[in-house]
Amino acid sequence: MSNFTFEYPLAFVLLLLFFVCSRWCRPKGVSIYFPNIPMLQKAVKKSQWFLTALKTLAFVALVVALASPIREDDVVVKNDKGYEISLILDASGSMQEYNKFGIVKEIVTNFVDERKHDKLALSIFADFAYVAVPLTYDKKSIKRLLERIEVGIAGKNRTALYEALFLSSNLFKSSKSKEKIAILLTDGMDNTGTIPLDVAIKTAKKYGIKVYTVGVGRAGVDFNPEVLQKISKETGGKYFSADSVERLKEIYKTINKLEKSEIKADKYVKKTYYFQYFLALALLAMMGYFFVANRE
């Protein structure tokens, strides 16, 4: 957020004194009277107003420079000691039913907005799994990609659930964060066999990842609750079941509260100074004043 202000606003009191003195503080000196004074006054009238304007401009510019105009920008330095969260979403064909994937995207987008100071990653799976966005502070890129991802982008017929967990866990291979989390959402059961369940769980445990599993739909019919419970229990996370939009929203809110980051990003104010421009303007006005005054 940018804010234009002055470091020393009291300097503007000098402007008041200047205009008061210009009106009432007339200099006293030796007076010489001679005929045709009106004619003389008319001759110098045109240059006099210009000299006054230059003098006023020079003084005003000096006062503004003295007040030190600055622009203040709030700069947030992200702290890499906070939470690192991998969002793993099922994008298989079954997620197209009842617009489940569209609803999930909206809820996950709100979740991303809540995690202001954390690193996030996004992985998608269906026939195969892939990392859409690696761990990053750039929330905008995740939200932009979420808007564009649709069911079928990784196939529609299969569910590579274990592969997704394995692939997402490897994102934390070089992580130094103490808090590593994965939120795995699915409405299906693994049927690809590319990665064994035990290997996926061991990889998550190896890197200290706490996995929250979310089953969408009917437990035991659409997804296997025992598998999701096993993943969450062995990694220190929690298992949730959602059979409605309201329940799904509640789950993400609960996870957000359970893993609320206590580490805030460092913040400082960056100041950009502009006094030099007004100082240069004052110098130019004074040079113009002396040039015009000495020419007469």
Protein backbone atom coordinates (compact mmCIF):
# COMPACT_ATOMS: atom_id res chain seq x y z
CA MET A 1 0.00 0.00 0.00
CA SER A 2 1.42 3.40 -1.04
CA ASN A 3 0.94 6.59 0.94
CA PHE A 4 2.24 10.07 -0.01
CA THR A 5 3.11 12.21 3.00
CA PHE A 6 5.63 14.64 4.50
CA GLU A 7 8.22 13.81 7.14
CA TYR A 8 8.25 17.35 8.60
CA PRO A 9 4.84 18.94 7.91
CA LEU A 10 5.47 21.72 10.45
CA ALA A 11 7.78 23.29 7.89
CA PHE A 12 4.68 24.60 6.10
CA VAL A 13 4.27 27.14 8.91
CA LEU A 14 7.05 29.04 7.15
CA LEU A 15 4.71 29.59 4.20
CA LEU A 16 2.25 31.38 6.45
CA LEU A 17 5.02 33.61 7.79
CA PHE A 18 6.22 34.30 4.26
CA PHE A 19 2.84 35.45 2.98
CA VAL A 20 2.19 37.52 6.14
CA CYS A 21 5.54 39.26 5.80
CA SER A 22 5.03 39.78 2.08
CA ARG A 23 1.87 41.72 2.90
CA TRP A 24 2.84 43.68 6.02
CA CYS A 25 6.62 43.55 6.45
CA ARG A 26 7.70 46.17 3.90
CA PRO A 27 11.45 46.96 3.86
CA LYS A 28 12.41 50.50 4.89
CA GLY A 29 15.09 52.42 3.06
CA VAL A 30 16.14 55.84 1.74
CA SER A 31 13.50 57.36 -0.47
CA ILE A 32 14.23 59.61 -3.45
CA TYR A 33 11.38 61.56 -4.94
CA PHE A 34 11.37 62.81 -8.51
CA PRO A 35 8.74 63.68 -11.09
CA ASN A 36 6.98 61.16 -13.39
CA ILE A 37 6.88 58.36 -10.77
CA PRO A 38 3.70 56.84 -12.35
CA MET A 39 5.52 56.48 -15.65
CA LEU A 40 8.41 54.69 -13.92
CA GLN A 41 6.07 52.37 -12.06
CA LYS A 42 4.34 51.43 -15.32
CA ALA A 43 7.70 50.62 -16.92
CA VAL A 44 8.73 48.20 -14.20
CA LYS A 45 5.28 46.73 -13.49
CA LYS A 46 5.58 43.93 -16.04
CA SER A 47 8.91 42.65 -14.74
CA GLN A 48 7.93 43.17 -11.11
CA TRP A 49 5.11 40.61 -11.12
CA PHE A 50 7.43 38.08 -12.76
CA LEU A 51 10.10 38.65 -10.10
CA THR A 52 7.50 38.25 -7.38
CA ALA A 53 6.28 35.00 -8.94
CA LEU A 54 9.84 33.65 -9.15
CA LYS A 55 10.56 34.64 -5.56
CA THR A 56 7.35 33.02 -4.33
CA LEU A 57 7.97 29.86 -6.34
CA ALA A 58 11.52 29.57 -4.98
CA PHE A 59 10.38 29.97 -1.38
CA VAL A 60 7.45 27.55 -1.72
CA ALA A 61 9.67 24.94 -3.37
CA LEU A 62 12.28 25.34 -0.59
CA VAL A 63 9.63 24.87 2.09
CA VAL A 64 8.23 21.76 0.36
CA ALA A 65 11.77 20.36 0.11
CA LEU A 66 12.31 21.15 3.81
CA ALA A 67 9.05 19.33 4.66
CA SER A 68 10.58 16.29 2.91
CA PRO A 69 7.87 14.78 0.69
CA ILE A 70 8.02 10.98 0.69
CA ARG A 71 6.08 8.00 -0.57
CA GLU A 72 5.71 5.20 1.95
CA ASP A 73 5.24 1.64 0.70
CA ASP A 74 4.45 -1.25 3.02
CA VAL A 75 6.86 -4.05 2.15
CA VAL A 76 6.19 -7.56 3.45
CA VAL A 77 9.11 -9.96 3.64
CA LYS A 78 7.85 -13.52 3.64
CA ASN A 79 9.34 -15.78 6.28
CA ASP A 80 10.36 -19.26 5.07
CA LYS A 81 10.11 -20.64 8.60
CA GLY A 82 6.31 -20.75 8.44
CA TYR A 83 3.98 -23.44 7.18
CA GLU A 84 4.42 -25.25 3.89
CA ILE A 85 1.23 -26.76 2.55
CA SER A 86 0.64 -29.01 -0.43
CA LEU A 87 -2.89 -29.04 -1.84
CA ILE A 88 -3.64 -32.35 -3.61
CA LEU A 89 -6.87 -32.42 -5.63
CA ASP A 90 -8.67 -35.25 -7.38
CA ALA A 91 -9.59 -34.16 -10.93
CA SER A 92 -10.90 -37.50 -12.19
CA GLY A 93 -14.14 -37.91 -14.15
CA SER A 94 -16.27 -38.58 -11.07
CA MET A 95 -15.46 -35.10 -9.74
CA GLN A 96 -17.49 -33.70 -12.62
CA GLU A 97 -20.74 -35.00 -11.11
CA TYR A 98 -22.83 -32.34 -9.37
CA ASN A 99 -20.06 -29.82 -10.17
CA LYS A 100 -17.98 -31.23 -7.31
CA PHE A 101 -14.68 -30.03 -8.80
CA GLY A 102 -15.98 -26.51 -9.33
CA ILE A 103 -17.16 -26.36 -5.72
CA VAL A 104 -13.84 -27.72 -4.46
CA LYS A 105 -11.89 -25.12 -6.48
CA GLU A 106 -13.91 -22.30 -4.93
CA ILE A 107 -13.38 -23.62 -1.39
CA VAL A 108 -9.66 -24.21 -1.96
CA THR A 109 -9.29 -20.70 -3.40
CA ASN A 110 -10.75 -19.26 -0.18
CA PHE A 111 -8.36 -21.46 1.80
CA VAL A 112 -5.41 -20.07 -0.22
CA ASP A 113 -6.54 -16.52 0.62
CA GLU A 114 -6.50 -17.41 4.32
CA ARG A 115 -2.88 -18.65 4.25
CA LYS A 116 -1.31 -15.24 3.69
CA HIS A 117 2.19 -15.98 4.99
CA ASP A 118 2.67 -19.64 4.07
CA LYS A 119 4.20 -21.46 1.14
CA LEU A 120 1.68 -23.42 -0.90
CA ALA A 121 1.87 -26.03 -3.66
CA LEU A 122 -0.81 -27.54 -5.89
CA SER A 123 -0.92 -31.09 -7.27
CA ILE A 124 -3.59 -32.66 -9.48
CA PHE A 125 -4.33 -36.32 -10.10
CA ALA A 126 -6.62 -38.54 -12.17
CA ASP A 127 -5.17 -41.09 -14.65
CA PHE A 128 -1.79 -39.78 -13.52
CA ALA A 129 -0.52 -37.25 -10.99
CA TYR A 130 1.47 -34.10 -11.61
CA VAL A 131 2.65 -31.02 -9.74
CA ALA A 132 0.81 -28.00 -11.11
CA VAL A 133 2.56 -25.44 -8.89
CA PRO A 134 5.60 -26.20 -6.67
CA LEU A 135 5.92 -24.67 -3.21
CA THR A 136 5.67 -20.92 -3.57
CA TYR A 137 4.61 -17.71 -1.83
CA ASP A 138 2.94 -16.59 -5.05
CA LYS A 139 -0.72 -17.17 -4.19
CA LYS A 140 -1.87 -15.42 -7.36
CA SER A 141 -0.28 -18.05 -9.58
CA ILE A 142 -2.05 -20.83 -7.67
CA LYS A 143 -5.40 -19.06 -7.89
CA ARG A 144 -4.97 -18.33 -11.60
CA LEU A 145 -4.19 -21.98 -12.28
CA LEU A 146 -7.11 -23.14 -10.16
CA GLU A 147 -9.42 -21.07 -12.35
CA ARG A 148 -8.15 -22.82 -15.50
CA ILE A 149 -7.90 -26.43 -14.30
CA GLU A 150 -10.89 -28.58 -15.22
CA VAL A 151 -11.84 -32.23 -14.86
CA GLY A 152 -10.07 -34.28 -17.52
CA ILE A 153 -6.82 -32.33 -17.55
CA ALA A 154 -5.08 -35.47 -16.25
CA GLY A 155 -7.54 -37.96 -17.71
CA LYS A 156 -10.97 -39.05 -16.54
CA ASN A 157 -11.04 -42.80 -16.09
CA ARG A 158 -8.64 -43.61 -13.26
CA THR A 159 -7.50 -42.35 -9.85
CA ALA A 160 -3.75 -42.20 -9.15
CA LEU A 161 -4.21 -41.34 -5.48
CA TYR A 162 -1.05 -42.95 -4.06
CA GLU A 163 1.06 -41.57 -6.89
CA ALA A 164 -0.25 -38.06 -6.09
CA LEU A 165 0.70 -38.39 -2.41
CA PHE A 166 4.15 -39.74 -3.32
CA LEU A 167 4.81 -37.02 -5.92
CA SER A 168 3.56 -34.23 -3.65
CA SER A 169 5.66 -35.48 -0.72
CA ASN A 170 8.82 -35.16 -2.79
CA LEU A 171 8.18 -31.42 -3.05
CA PHE A 172 9.37 -31.19 0.57
CA LYS A 173 12.67 -32.98 -0.10
CA SER A 174 14.79 -29.87 0.48
CA SER A 175 12.36 -28.11 2.84
CA LYS A 176 13.66 -26.71 6.13
CA SER A 177 10.24 -25.80 7.47
CA LYS A 178 9.15 -27.36 10.76
CA GLU A 179 5.51 -27.41 9.70
CA LYS A 180 4.80 -29.43 6.53
CA ILE A 181 1.23 -30.28 5.62
CA ALA A 182 -0.59 -32.00 2.77
CA ILE A 183 -4.36 -31.85 2.22
CA LEU A 184 -5.45 -34.74 0.04
CA LEU A 185 -8.98 -34.57 -1.37
CA THR A 186 -10.58 -37.39 -3.36
CA ASP A 187 -13.91 -38.95 -4.23
CA GLY A 188 -12.41 -42.20 -5.46
CA MET A 189 -10.10 -45.14 -4.78
CA ASP A 190 -6.65 -45.73 -6.22
CA ASN A 191 -6.87 -48.01 -9.26
CA THR A 192 -3.63 -47.33 -11.13
CA GLY A 193 -1.14 -49.31 -9.03
CA THR A 194 1.76 -47.04 -10.05
CA ILE A 195 2.89 -46.46 -6.46
CA PRO A 196 2.15 -48.79 -3.49
CA LEU A 197 0.26 -47.22 -0.58
CA ASP A 198 3.02 -48.06 1.92
CA VAL A 199 5.65 -46.34 -0.25
CA ALA A 200 3.52 -43.20 -0.49
CA ILE A 201 2.99 -43.11 3.28
CA LYS A 202 6.67 -43.78 4.04
CA THR A 203 7.71 -40.94 1.75
CA ALA A 204 5.34 -38.53 3.53
CA LYS A 205 6.65 -39.66 6.91
CA LYS A 206 10.26 -39.42 5.73
CA TYR A 207 9.88 -35.71 5.11
CA GLY A 208 7.76 -35.10 8.21
CA ILE A 209 4.55 -34.29 6.34
CA LYS A 210 1.26 -34.28 8.21
CA VAL A 211 -1.44 -35.46 5.80
CA TYR A 212 -5.07 -34.40 6.15
CA THR A 213 -7.32 -36.62 4.03
CA VAL A 214 -10.76 -35.55 2.81
CA GLY A 215 -13.18 -38.05 1.30
CA VAL A 216 -15.93 -36.51 -0.84
CA GLY A 217 -19.20 -38.37 -1.35
CA ARG A 218 -20.37 -41.65 0.18
CA ALA A 219 -17.86 -43.38 2.44
CA GLY A 220 -17.29 -46.99 1.39
CA VAL A 221 -18.96 -46.44 -1.98
CA ASP A 222 -17.20 -43.49 -3.63
CA PHE A 223 -13.98 -43.66 -1.61
CA ASN A 224 -12.27 -46.02 0.83
CA PRO A 225 -12.39 -44.45 4.31
CA GLU A 226 -10.00 -47.07 5.74
CA VAL A 227 -7.25 -46.07 3.32
CA LEU A 228 -7.71 -42.36 4.01
CA GLN A 229 -7.75 -43.01 7.76
CA LYS A 230 -4.54 -45.04 7.46
CA ILE A 231 -2.77 -42.24 5.58
CA SER A 232 -3.80 -39.54 8.04
CA LYS A 233 -3.19 -41.63 11.16
CA GLU A 234 0.32 -42.76 10.19
CA THR A 235 1.41 -39.25 9.22
CA GLY A 236 -0.12 -37.49 12.24
CA GLY A 237 -2.94 -35.79 10.36
CA LYS A 238 -6.71 -36.19 10.44
CA TYR A 239 -9.34 -37.83 8.27
CA PHE A 240 -12.53 -36.05 7.22
CA SER A 241 -15.60 -37.12 5.31
CA ALA A 242 -17.73 -34.64 3.36
CA ASP A 243 -21.13 -35.45 1.89
CA SER A 244 -22.27 -31.86 1.36
CA VAL A 245 -20.93 -28.48 0.28
CA GLU A 246 -21.43 -27.08 3.79
CA ARG A 247 -19.48 -29.96 5.31
CA LEU A 248 -16.62 -29.48 2.82
CA LYS A 249 -16.38 -25.76 3.66
CA GLU A 250 -16.39 -26.62 7.34
CA ILE A 251 -13.54 -29.13 6.88
CA TYR A 252 -11.21 -26.60 5.23
CA LYS A 253 -12.06 -24.05 7.91
CA THR A 254 -11.24 -26.64 10.58
CA ILE A 255 -7.89 -27.49 8.98
CA ASN A 256 -7.11 -23.79 8.72
CA LYS A 257 -7.77 -23.36 12.45
CA LEU A 258 -5.87 -26.50 13.45
CA GLU A 259 -2.81 -25.40 11.54
CA LYS A 260 -2.94 -21.67 12.15
CA SER A 261 0.48 -20.19 11.56
CA GLU A 262 1.84 -18.26 14.53
CA ILE A 263 4.73 -16.84 12.52
CA LYS A 264 3.93 -13.54 10.91
CA ALA A 265 5.78 -12.10 7.98
CA ASP A 266 8.25 -9.31 8.68
CA LYS A 267 7.00 -5.92 7.59
CA TYR A 268 8.80 -2.62 7.05
CA VAL A 269 8.06 0.70 5.41
CA LYS A 270 10.05 1.62 2.33
CA LYS A 271 10.46 5.39 1.93
CA THR A 272 11.05 7.11 -1.40
CA TYR A 273 12.23 10.72 -1.07
CA TYR A 274 11.26 13.53 -3.47
CA PHE A 275 12.79 16.62 -1.76
CA GLN A 276 15.57 16.84 -4.37
CA TYR A 277 13.10 17.68 -7.14
CA PHE A 278 11.67 20.63 -5.20
CA LEU A 279 15.15 21.76 -4.22
CA ALA A 280 16.17 21.78 -7.88
CA LEU A 281 13.01 23.74 -8.73
CA ALA A 282 13.84 26.30 -6.02
CA LEU A 283 17.38 26.73 -7.35
CA LEU A 284 16.10 27.24 -10.90
CA ALA A 285 13.57 29.82 -9.66
CA MET A 286 16.30 31.72 -7.75
CA MET A 287 18.61 31.69 -10.75
CA GLY A 288 15.77 33.06 -12.87
CA TYR A 289 15.07 35.73 -10.25
CA PHE A 290 18.69 36.97 -10.18
CA PHE A 291 18.93 36.89 -13.96
CA VAL A 292 15.77 38.99 -14.45
CA ALA A 293 16.61 41.35 -11.56
CA ASN A 294 20.18 42.07 -12.75
CA ARG A 295 19.13 42.55 -16.37
CA GLU A 296 17.13 45.65 -15.53
